[in-house]
């Protein structure tokens, strides 16, 4: 039996598909850029960052981690031609609230020793200070051999309280 979430997906998709007229868009992003941002449900990248369908790749993960997004960044650049990276972390991020040790302890407590062993070497990539984390991720990308030197990279903070962005680097 379908859950209420699944029923909603089917219903809302039928409405969306009924008016859909963008099937002609090309595979590569038209504006040749990508955005790395957080998976936080309070962020609507298209609306907040002015991204129209087909313009850019949007890579979302916990904390807008450049390291976690690296595989997708390489695919976006090397196979699909993007030439700019915009990294956007945000205020009130959950990644500011715990350490790796906290996350590993929680996995062990909630999922048991087998799950804890499976994730024993996983870096959850938390960070204690927002602007420093933006700068560190931008620096990671700039130093990475997987990001060509001519790719523009900038780092931003989205304020979930106001909807505004501010450039950090």
N, C-alpha and C. Protein backbone atom coordinates (compact mmCIF):
# COMPACT_ATOMS: atom_id res chain seq x y z
N UNK A 1 0.84 -1.19 0.00
CA UNK A 1 0.00 0.00 0.00
C UNK A 1 0.88 1.24 0.00
N UNK A 2 0.53 2.20 -0.80
CA UNK A 2 1.29 3.44 -0.93
C UNK A 2 1.11 4.32 0.30
N UNK A 3 2.20 4.94 0.72
CA UNK A 3 2.14 5.88 1.84
C UNK A 3 1.51 7.19 1.37
N UNK A 4 1.16 8.05 2.32
CA UNK A 4 0.61 9.37 1.98
C UNK A 4 1.63 10.18 1.18
N UNK A 5 2.90 10.05 1.51
CA UNK A 5 3.95 10.76 0.77
C UNK A 5 3.98 10.28 -0.68
N UNK A 6 3.89 8.96 -0.90
CA UNK A 6 3.90 8.42 -2.25
C UNK A 6 2.66 8.86 -3.03
N UNK A 7 1.52 8.84 -2.38
CA UNK A 7 0.29 9.29 -3.04
C UNK A 7 0.41 10.76 -3.44
N UNK A 8 0.98 11.57 -2.57
CA UNK A 8 1.17 12.99 -2.88
C UNK A 8 2.12 13.16 -4.08
N UNK A 9 3.18 12.36 -4.10
CA UNK A 9 4.13 12.42 -5.22
C UNK A 9 3.40 12.16 -6.54
N UNK A 10 2.61 11.11 -6.58
CA UNK A 10 1.91 10.74 -7.81
C UNK A 10 0.92 11.84 -8.21
N UNK A 11 0.17 12.36 -7.24
CA UNK A 11 -0.82 13.40 -7.53
C UNK A 11 -0.15 14.68 -8.03
N UNK A 12 0.85 15.14 -7.32
CA UNK A 12 1.53 16.39 -7.68
C UNK A 12 2.30 16.23 -8.99
N UNK A 13 2.85 15.04 -9.24
CA UNK A 13 3.55 14.82 -10.49
C UNK A 13 2.58 14.86 -11.67
N UNK A 14 1.39 14.32 -11.50
CA UNK A 14 0.40 14.35 -12.57
C UNK A 14 0.04 15.80 -12.91
N UNK A 15 -0.09 16.64 -11.90
CA UNK A 15 -0.37 18.06 -12.13
C UNK A 15 0.79 18.71 -12.88
N UNK A 16 2.01 18.43 -12.42
CA UNK A 16 3.23 18.99 -13.03
C UNK A 16 3.36 18.53 -14.48
N UNK A 17 3.23 17.24 -14.70
CA UNK A 17 3.40 16.68 -16.04
C UNK A 17 2.32 17.19 -17.00
N UNK A 18 1.14 17.49 -16.47
CA UNK A 18 0.06 17.99 -17.31
C UNK A 18 0.37 19.33 -17.95
N UNK A 19 1.21 20.13 -17.32
CA UNK A 19 1.58 21.45 -17.85
C UNK A 19 3.04 21.50 -18.31
N UNK A 20 3.72 20.36 -18.26
CA UNK A 20 5.17 20.33 -18.56
C UNK A 20 5.43 20.59 -20.03
N UNK A 21 6.33 21.54 -20.29
CA UNK A 21 6.69 21.86 -21.67
C UNK A 21 8.19 22.08 -21.84
N UNK A 22 8.99 21.44 -21.00
CA UNK A 22 10.44 21.63 -21.02
C UNK A 22 11.20 20.39 -21.46
N UNK A 23 10.54 19.46 -22.08
CA UNK A 23 11.19 18.23 -22.51
C UNK A 23 12.25 18.42 -23.59
N UNK A 24 12.31 19.59 -24.17
CA UNK A 24 13.28 19.88 -25.23
C UNK A 24 14.63 20.35 -24.70
N UNK A 25 14.75 20.59 -23.41
CA UNK A 25 16.00 21.12 -22.85
C UNK A 25 17.16 20.14 -23.07
N UNK A 26 18.33 20.71 -23.33
CA UNK A 26 19.54 19.90 -23.56
C UNK A 26 20.04 19.29 -22.25
N UNK A 27 20.80 18.21 -22.36
CA UNK A 27 21.37 17.55 -21.19
C UNK A 27 22.35 18.45 -20.43
N UNK A 28 23.33 19.09 -21.09
CA UNK A 28 24.24 19.96 -20.33
C UNK A 28 23.52 21.20 -19.82
N UNK A 29 23.91 21.70 -18.67
CA UNK A 29 23.26 22.91 -18.15
C UNK A 29 23.56 24.11 -19.05
N UNK A 30 22.53 24.84 -19.44
CA UNK A 30 22.63 25.93 -20.41
C UNK A 30 23.59 27.04 -19.98
N UNK A 31 23.62 27.33 -18.69
CA UNK A 31 24.47 28.43 -18.22
C UNK A 31 25.82 27.95 -17.71
N UNK A 32 26.09 26.68 -17.86
CA UNK A 32 27.41 26.08 -17.59
C UNK A 32 27.94 26.33 -16.17
N UNK A 33 27.07 26.23 -15.18
CA UNK A 33 27.53 26.31 -13.81
C UNK A 33 26.82 25.28 -12.95
N UNK A 34 27.39 25.07 -11.78
CA UNK A 34 26.77 24.17 -10.83
C UNK A 34 26.75 24.82 -9.45
N UNK A 35 25.79 24.43 -8.68
CA UNK A 35 25.64 24.91 -7.31
C UNK A 35 25.76 23.71 -6.38
N UNK A 36 26.60 23.83 -5.37
CA UNK A 36 26.66 22.84 -4.30
C UNK A 36 25.99 23.49 -3.11
N UNK A 37 24.92 22.89 -2.63
CA UNK A 37 24.23 23.45 -1.46
C UNK A 37 23.74 22.32 -0.57
N UNK A 38 23.20 22.69 0.55
CA UNK A 38 22.78 21.73 1.56
C UNK A 38 21.45 21.07 1.20
N UNK A 39 21.23 19.90 1.75
CA UNK A 39 19.98 19.18 1.53
C UNK A 39 18.85 19.70 2.42
N UNK A 40 19.15 20.69 3.27
CA UNK A 40 18.17 21.25 4.20
C UNK A 40 16.86 21.60 3.48
N UNK A 41 15.76 21.15 4.04
CA UNK A 41 14.45 21.32 3.41
C UNK A 41 13.99 22.78 3.38
N UNK A 42 14.67 23.65 4.09
CA UNK A 42 14.30 25.07 4.09
C UNK A 42 14.92 25.84 2.92
N UNK A 43 15.71 25.16 2.08
CA UNK A 43 16.35 25.83 0.96
C UNK A 43 15.70 25.36 -0.35
N UNK A 44 15.22 26.31 -1.12
CA UNK A 44 14.69 26.05 -2.46
C UNK A 44 15.68 26.68 -3.43
N UNK A 45 16.68 25.92 -3.89
CA UNK A 45 17.74 26.51 -4.70
C UNK A 45 17.24 27.25 -5.95
N UNK A 46 16.28 26.69 -6.63
CA UNK A 46 15.78 27.34 -7.85
C UNK A 46 15.24 28.73 -7.53
N UNK A 47 14.40 28.82 -6.54
CA UNK A 47 13.79 30.10 -6.19
C UNK A 47 14.80 31.05 -5.52
N UNK A 48 15.57 30.53 -4.58
CA UNK A 48 16.49 31.39 -3.81
C UNK A 48 17.67 31.88 -4.61
N UNK A 49 18.11 31.09 -5.59
CA UNK A 49 19.33 31.43 -6.33
C UNK A 49 19.06 31.76 -7.80
N UNK A 50 17.79 31.85 -8.17
CA UNK A 50 17.44 32.25 -9.53
C UNK A 50 17.83 31.26 -10.60
N UNK A 51 17.61 29.98 -10.33
CA UNK A 51 17.98 28.94 -11.28
C UNK A 51 16.74 28.45 -12.02
N UNK A 52 16.72 28.70 -13.32
CA UNK A 52 15.62 28.18 -14.14
C UNK A 52 15.94 26.75 -14.55
N UNK A 53 14.90 25.99 -14.83
CA UNK A 53 15.06 24.61 -15.25
C UNK A 53 15.99 24.54 -16.46
N UNK A 54 17.00 23.70 -16.38
CA UNK A 54 17.93 23.54 -17.48
C UNK A 54 19.17 24.43 -17.41
N UNK A 55 19.19 25.39 -16.49
CA UNK A 55 20.32 26.34 -16.41
C UNK A 55 21.56 25.79 -15.75
N UNK A 56 21.40 25.02 -14.67
CA UNK A 56 22.54 24.64 -13.84
C UNK A 56 22.31 23.29 -13.19
N UNK A 57 23.42 22.66 -12.80
CA UNK A 57 23.32 21.48 -11.95
C UNK A 57 23.24 21.95 -10.50
N UNK A 58 22.43 21.26 -9.72
CA UNK A 58 22.34 21.54 -8.29
C UNK A 58 22.69 20.24 -7.57
N UNK A 59 23.77 20.30 -6.80
CA UNK A 59 24.25 19.15 -6.05
C UNK A 59 23.94 19.43 -4.59
N UNK A 60 23.16 18.55 -3.97
CA UNK A 60 22.76 18.77 -2.57
C UNK A 60 23.26 17.62 -1.72
N UNK A 61 23.81 17.98 -0.56
CA UNK A 61 24.21 16.98 0.42
C UNK A 61 24.20 17.64 1.79
N UNK A 62 24.37 16.86 2.82
CA UNK A 62 24.37 17.39 4.18
C UNK A 62 25.55 18.35 4.35
N UNK A 63 25.26 19.62 4.60
CA UNK A 63 26.28 20.62 4.86
C UNK A 63 26.88 21.27 3.63
N UNK A 64 26.37 20.97 2.44
CA UNK A 64 26.93 21.53 1.20
C UNK A 64 28.42 21.24 1.12
N UNK A 65 28.79 20.00 1.36
CA UNK A 65 30.19 19.60 1.39
C UNK A 65 30.77 19.43 -0.01
N UNK A 66 31.86 20.16 -0.29
CA UNK A 66 32.55 20.02 -1.56
C UNK A 66 33.16 18.63 -1.69
N UNK A 67 33.68 18.10 -0.58
CA UNK A 67 34.29 16.76 -0.63
C UNK A 67 33.24 15.71 -0.98
N UNK A 68 32.09 15.81 -0.37
CA UNK A 68 31.01 14.86 -0.62
C UNK A 68 30.48 15.00 -2.05
N UNK A 69 30.57 16.19 -2.61
CA UNK A 69 30.05 16.46 -3.96
C UNK A 69 31.07 16.23 -5.06
N UNK A 70 32.29 15.88 -4.71
CA UNK A 70 33.38 15.83 -5.69
C UNK A 70 33.06 14.95 -6.90
N UNK A 71 32.51 13.78 -6.69
CA UNK A 71 32.17 12.89 -7.81
C UNK A 71 31.22 13.58 -8.78
N UNK A 72 30.19 14.21 -8.26
CA UNK A 72 29.22 14.89 -9.12
C UNK A 72 29.83 16.12 -9.79
N UNK A 73 30.71 16.81 -9.10
CA UNK A 73 31.38 17.97 -9.69
C UNK A 73 32.21 17.54 -10.90
N UNK A 74 32.97 16.48 -10.75
CA UNK A 74 33.80 15.99 -11.86
C UNK A 74 32.92 15.60 -13.05
N UNK A 75 31.83 14.91 -12.82
CA UNK A 75 30.92 14.53 -13.90
C UNK A 75 30.34 15.77 -14.56
N UNK A 76 29.91 16.74 -13.75
CA UNK A 76 29.33 17.97 -14.29
C UNK A 76 30.31 18.72 -15.17
N UNK A 77 31.55 18.82 -14.71
CA UNK A 77 32.57 19.56 -15.48
C UNK A 77 33.07 18.78 -16.68
N UNK A 78 33.50 17.57 -16.44
CA UNK A 78 34.19 16.82 -17.48
C UNK A 78 33.26 16.23 -18.54
N UNK A 79 32.06 15.86 -18.17
CA UNK A 79 31.14 15.26 -19.13
C UNK A 79 30.09 16.23 -19.65
N UNK A 80 29.80 17.27 -18.86
CA UNK A 80 28.68 18.13 -19.23
C UNK A 80 29.03 19.61 -19.32
N UNK A 81 30.31 19.94 -19.20
CA UNK A 81 30.79 21.25 -19.57
C UNK A 81 30.61 22.42 -18.62
N UNK A 82 30.33 22.18 -17.35
CA UNK A 82 30.19 23.34 -16.46
C UNK A 82 31.54 24.00 -16.24
N UNK A 83 31.54 25.32 -16.04
CA UNK A 83 32.76 26.11 -15.92
C UNK A 83 32.77 27.00 -14.68
N UNK A 84 31.79 26.84 -13.81
CA UNK A 84 31.75 27.64 -12.58
C UNK A 84 31.09 26.84 -11.47
N UNK A 85 31.62 27.03 -10.25
CA UNK A 85 31.06 26.36 -9.07
C UNK A 85 30.66 27.44 -8.07
N UNK A 86 29.42 27.36 -7.63
CA UNK A 86 28.92 28.23 -6.57
C UNK A 86 28.59 27.33 -5.39
N UNK A 87 29.33 27.52 -4.28
CA UNK A 87 29.12 26.71 -3.07
C UNK A 87 28.32 27.56 -2.08
N UNK A 88 27.19 27.02 -1.61
CA UNK A 88 26.32 27.77 -0.71
C UNK A 88 25.99 26.95 0.53
N UNK A 89 26.58 27.31 1.66
CA UNK A 89 26.18 26.74 2.95
C UNK A 89 25.11 27.65 3.54
N UNK A 90 24.63 27.35 4.74
CA UNK A 90 23.54 28.18 5.27
C UNK A 90 23.57 28.28 6.79
N UNK A 91 22.91 29.32 7.27
CA UNK A 91 22.77 29.51 8.71
C UNK A 91 21.88 28.41 9.27
N UNK A 92 22.06 28.13 10.54
CA UNK A 92 21.24 27.12 11.20
C UNK A 92 21.44 25.71 10.68
N UNK A 93 22.58 25.44 10.09
CA UNK A 93 22.84 24.10 9.53
C UNK A 93 23.04 23.07 10.63
N UNK A 94 22.48 21.92 10.44
CA UNK A 94 22.64 20.83 11.40
C UNK A 94 24.08 20.37 11.54
N UNK A 95 24.89 20.59 10.52
CA UNK A 95 26.30 20.16 10.56
C UNK A 95 27.11 20.97 11.58
N UNK A 96 26.54 22.07 12.06
CA UNK A 96 27.17 22.89 13.09
C UNK A 96 26.93 22.34 14.49
N UNK A 97 26.07 21.34 14.60
CA UNK A 97 25.57 20.93 15.91
C UNK A 97 26.18 19.65 16.49
N UNK A 98 27.10 19.02 15.76
CA UNK A 98 27.65 17.76 16.26
C UNK A 98 29.08 17.57 15.78
N UNK A 99 29.75 16.58 16.36
CA UNK A 99 31.10 16.20 15.93
C UNK A 99 31.03 14.81 15.30
N UNK A 100 32.12 14.40 14.69
CA UNK A 100 32.19 13.03 14.16
C UNK A 100 31.95 12.01 15.26
N UNK A 101 32.53 12.27 16.42
CA UNK A 101 32.37 11.33 17.55
C UNK A 101 30.90 11.21 17.93
N UNK A 102 30.18 12.34 17.97
CA UNK A 102 28.74 12.31 18.28
C UNK A 102 27.99 11.45 17.27
N UNK A 103 28.28 11.65 15.98
CA UNK A 103 27.57 10.92 14.92
C UNK A 103 27.86 9.42 15.00
N UNK A 104 29.12 9.07 15.23
CA UNK A 104 29.47 7.65 15.33
C UNK A 104 28.79 7.00 16.53
N UNK A 105 28.73 7.72 17.65
CA UNK A 105 28.07 7.19 18.84
C UNK A 105 26.57 6.99 18.59
N UNK A 106 25.96 7.92 17.88
CA UNK A 106 24.54 7.83 17.57
C UNK A 106 24.25 6.64 16.65
N UNK A 107 25.11 6.43 15.66
CA UNK A 107 24.95 5.28 14.76
C UNK A 107 25.02 3.99 15.57
N UNK A 108 26.02 3.90 16.45
CA UNK A 108 26.17 2.68 17.25
C UNK A 108 24.96 2.46 18.15
N UNK A 109 24.49 3.55 18.78
CA UNK A 109 23.34 3.45 19.69
C UNK A 109 22.06 3.07 18.95
N UNK A 110 21.81 3.70 17.81
CA UNK A 110 20.54 3.51 17.11
C UNK A 110 20.53 2.36 16.11
N UNK A 111 21.69 2.08 15.51
CA UNK A 111 21.73 1.07 14.45
C UNK A 111 22.52 -0.18 14.80
N UNK A 112 23.27 -0.10 15.91
CA UNK A 112 23.98 -1.28 16.38
C UNK A 112 25.43 -1.35 15.92
N UNK A 113 26.15 -2.34 16.47
CA UNK A 113 27.58 -2.46 16.22
C UNK A 113 27.95 -2.80 14.77
N UNK A 114 27.09 -3.51 14.07
CA UNK A 114 27.41 -3.83 12.67
C UNK A 114 27.42 -2.57 11.82
N UNK A 115 26.41 -1.73 12.00
CA UNK A 115 26.36 -0.45 11.27
C UNK A 115 27.51 0.44 11.70
N UNK A 116 27.82 0.45 12.99
CA UNK A 116 28.93 1.27 13.49
C UNK A 116 30.25 0.83 12.87
N UNK A 117 30.44 -0.47 12.74
CA UNK A 117 31.67 -0.99 12.12
C UNK A 117 31.73 -0.63 10.63
N UNK A 118 30.59 -0.71 9.97
CA UNK A 118 30.53 -0.37 8.54
C UNK A 118 30.90 1.08 8.29
N UNK A 119 30.55 1.96 9.23
CA UNK A 119 30.79 3.39 9.06
C UNK A 119 31.97 3.90 9.91
N UNK A 120 32.76 2.99 10.43
CA UNK A 120 33.83 3.35 11.38
C UNK A 120 34.79 4.41 10.84
N UNK A 121 35.07 4.38 9.56
CA UNK A 121 36.03 5.34 9.01
C UNK A 121 35.36 6.51 8.29
N UNK A 122 34.03 6.57 8.33
CA UNK A 122 33.31 7.63 7.65
C UNK A 122 33.48 8.97 8.36
N UNK A 123 33.87 9.98 7.60
CA UNK A 123 33.90 11.35 8.10
C UNK A 123 32.55 11.96 7.75
N UNK A 124 31.78 12.33 8.75
CA UNK A 124 30.46 12.92 8.53
C UNK A 124 30.56 14.37 8.07
N UNK A 125 31.78 14.92 8.09
CA UNK A 125 32.09 16.26 7.61
C UNK A 125 31.34 17.38 8.33
N UNK A 126 31.22 17.28 9.66
CA UNK A 126 30.61 18.39 10.39
C UNK A 126 31.58 19.57 10.43
N UNK A 127 31.08 20.73 10.80
CA UNK A 127 31.95 21.89 10.93
C UNK A 127 31.45 22.78 12.07
N UNK A 128 32.40 23.39 12.83
CA UNK A 128 32.01 24.19 13.99
C UNK A 128 31.74 25.66 13.69
N UNK A 129 32.19 26.15 12.53
CA UNK A 129 32.04 27.57 12.22
C UNK A 129 31.71 27.73 10.74
N UNK A 130 30.64 28.45 10.45
CA UNK A 130 30.06 28.52 9.11
C UNK A 130 30.99 29.16 8.07
N UNK A 131 31.42 30.38 8.30
CA UNK A 131 32.24 31.07 7.30
C UNK A 131 33.56 30.34 7.06
N UNK A 132 34.14 29.82 8.13
CA UNK A 132 35.39 29.06 7.99
C UNK A 132 35.17 27.81 7.15
N UNK A 133 34.02 27.18 7.29
CA UNK A 133 33.71 25.98 6.50
C UNK A 133 33.53 26.32 5.02
N UNK A 134 32.92 27.47 4.73
CA UNK A 134 32.77 27.91 3.34
C UNK A 134 34.16 28.12 2.74
N UNK A 135 35.01 28.84 3.46
CA UNK A 135 36.37 29.12 2.98
C UNK A 135 37.16 27.82 2.78
N UNK A 136 37.03 26.89 3.71
CA UNK A 136 37.75 25.62 3.61
C UNK A 136 37.29 24.81 2.40
N UNK A 137 35.99 24.78 2.13
CA UNK A 137 35.49 24.03 0.97
C UNK A 137 35.92 24.68 -0.34
N UNK A 138 35.90 26.00 -0.40
CA UNK A 138 36.35 26.69 -1.61
C UNK A 138 37.84 26.42 -1.82
N UNK A 139 38.61 26.46 -0.75
CA UNK A 139 40.04 26.18 -0.85
C UNK A 139 40.28 24.73 -1.30
N UNK A 140 39.49 23.80 -0.77
CA UNK A 140 39.58 22.40 -1.20
C UNK A 140 39.38 22.29 -2.71
N UNK A 141 38.35 22.96 -3.22
CA UNK A 141 38.06 22.90 -4.65
C UNK A 141 39.17 23.55 -5.47
N UNK A 142 39.68 24.67 -5.00
CA UNK A 142 40.74 25.38 -5.74
C UNK A 142 42.03 24.58 -5.79
N UNK A 143 42.30 23.80 -4.76
CA UNK A 143 43.52 23.00 -4.70
C UNK A 143 43.36 21.63 -5.36
N UNK A 144 42.15 21.22 -5.61
CA UNK A 144 41.89 19.89 -6.14
C UNK A 144 42.33 19.76 -7.60
N UNK A 145 43.04 18.70 -7.88
CA UNK A 145 43.44 18.41 -9.27
C UNK A 145 42.24 18.06 -10.13
N UNK A 146 41.09 17.78 -9.52
CA UNK A 146 39.89 17.42 -10.27
C UNK A 146 39.09 18.64 -10.73
N UNK A 147 39.51 19.83 -10.30
CA UNK A 147 38.84 21.06 -10.72
C UNK A 147 39.85 21.89 -11.52
N UNK A 148 39.63 22.06 -12.82
CA UNK A 148 40.57 22.83 -13.63
C UNK A 148 40.75 24.26 -13.10
N UNK A 149 41.94 24.81 -13.31
CA UNK A 149 42.28 26.14 -12.81
C UNK A 149 41.38 27.24 -13.37
N UNK A 150 40.82 27.04 -14.56
CA UNK A 150 40.00 28.09 -15.16
C UNK A 150 38.52 28.03 -14.74
N UNK A 151 38.18 27.13 -13.82
CA UNK A 151 36.81 27.06 -13.31
C UNK A 151 36.66 28.09 -12.19
N UNK A 152 35.70 28.99 -12.35
CA UNK A 152 35.45 30.01 -11.33
C UNK A 152 34.77 29.35 -10.12
N UNK A 153 35.22 29.73 -8.92
CA UNK A 153 34.67 29.14 -7.69
C UNK A 153 34.37 30.27 -6.71
N UNK A 154 33.19 30.26 -6.15
CA UNK A 154 32.84 31.25 -5.11
C UNK A 154 32.11 30.54 -3.98
N UNK A 155 32.15 31.16 -2.79
CA UNK A 155 31.51 30.59 -1.61
C UNK A 155 30.56 31.58 -0.96
N UNK A 156 29.42 31.09 -0.57
CA UNK A 156 28.33 31.93 -0.09
C UNK A 156 27.68 31.34 1.16
N UNK A 157 26.93 32.17 1.87
CA UNK A 157 26.08 31.73 2.97
C UNK A 157 24.67 32.21 2.68
N UNK A 158 23.73 31.28 2.73
CA UNK A 158 22.31 31.58 2.62
C UNK A 158 21.74 31.69 4.03
N UNK A 159 21.03 32.77 4.29
CA UNK A 159 20.43 32.97 5.61
C UNK A 159 19.00 32.43 5.59
N UNK A 160 18.78 31.32 6.28
CA UNK A 160 17.44 30.71 6.27
C UNK A 160 16.42 31.62 6.94
N UNK A 161 16.88 32.53 7.78
CA UNK A 161 15.96 33.42 8.49
C UNK A 161 15.42 34.53 7.59
N UNK A 162 16.20 34.95 6.58
CA UNK A 162 15.81 36.09 5.75
C UNK A 162 15.67 35.74 4.27
N UNK A 163 16.26 34.63 3.84
CA UNK A 163 16.26 34.27 2.42
C UNK A 163 17.36 34.95 1.63
N UNK A 164 18.21 35.72 2.30
CA UNK A 164 19.30 36.45 1.62
C UNK A 164 20.58 35.62 1.57
N UNK A 165 21.41 35.91 0.55
CA UNK A 165 22.73 35.31 0.46
C UNK A 165 23.77 36.40 0.67
N UNK A 166 24.93 35.96 1.18
CA UNK A 166 26.06 36.88 1.28
C UNK A 166 27.30 36.12 0.84
N UNK A 167 28.16 36.79 0.11
CA UNK A 167 29.37 36.16 -0.39
C UNK A 167 30.42 36.15 0.70
N UNK A 168 31.06 34.98 0.90
CA UNK A 168 32.13 34.82 1.86
C UNK A 168 33.47 34.89 1.15
N UNK A 169 33.57 34.20 0.05
CA UNK A 169 34.79 34.18 -0.75
C UNK A 169 34.47 33.99 -2.23
